[in-house]
Amino acid sequence: MLAYYLHSLDPVIFRIYDNVGPRWYGLAYVLAFVSSYVVFLWLAKRGYADLPPQRVGDFITGCALFGVIVGGRLGYVFFYKPEMLREPLSILRVWEGGMSSHGGMFGLLAFTFYYAHRHKISWTNLGDNLVVTAPIGLFFGRCANFINGELYGRITNVPSSPGSGARDGCMRANRSDTHDAGCDC
């Protein structure tokens, strides 16, 4: 019988106290935003972006805060947990989890449209440059999905598929997060 990997990774990088400490998911977001900044700045300096290089930091910060984080949280609320609208303050309890990738995409779409209109630059050019940076961020997000034991696929007997002890006992699953991470880049 071939050995297989049983997933038992801790979503917390290190613990400061009890369950308090930086998480891999948070690190994935930071790495995604920093890499987007670096790549977008590189594109702007070479003339591919209508956005001047000195404005790239402001743009990426706005994308991160309003597009990805607010859009992702609101997408989670509207698509998966609409009952949170009955108690609106529960939307702010981000430590309980809940982000939606498609909500983040809608948020980015809205923010880039607003930013382009406000600064009178081409919305499509902003989008053309963002789609170059997005796969890097998606890769980091999929890696965090794997560490958190999320997005597991169908049960399989293929020895190369990792098991996720926290979710499904010792059954191995054809992990969609690892496949998606490879396809994002």
Foldseek 3Di string as FASTA:
>chain_A
DDAAAAADFDQAPDDPDDPDHDGLLVVLLVVLLVQLLVQLLVCQVVPLAPDHSVCSVVLSVCLSVQQFPVQFLVCQCVPPNVVCVVVVVVSVPCVVPGGHRVSSVVRNLVSLVVVCVVVVHDSVSVVVSSLVSVLSSLLSNLVSCVSVVHQFAAFDPPRHFYHYCVPDNRTGTPHPSVVSSVVSD
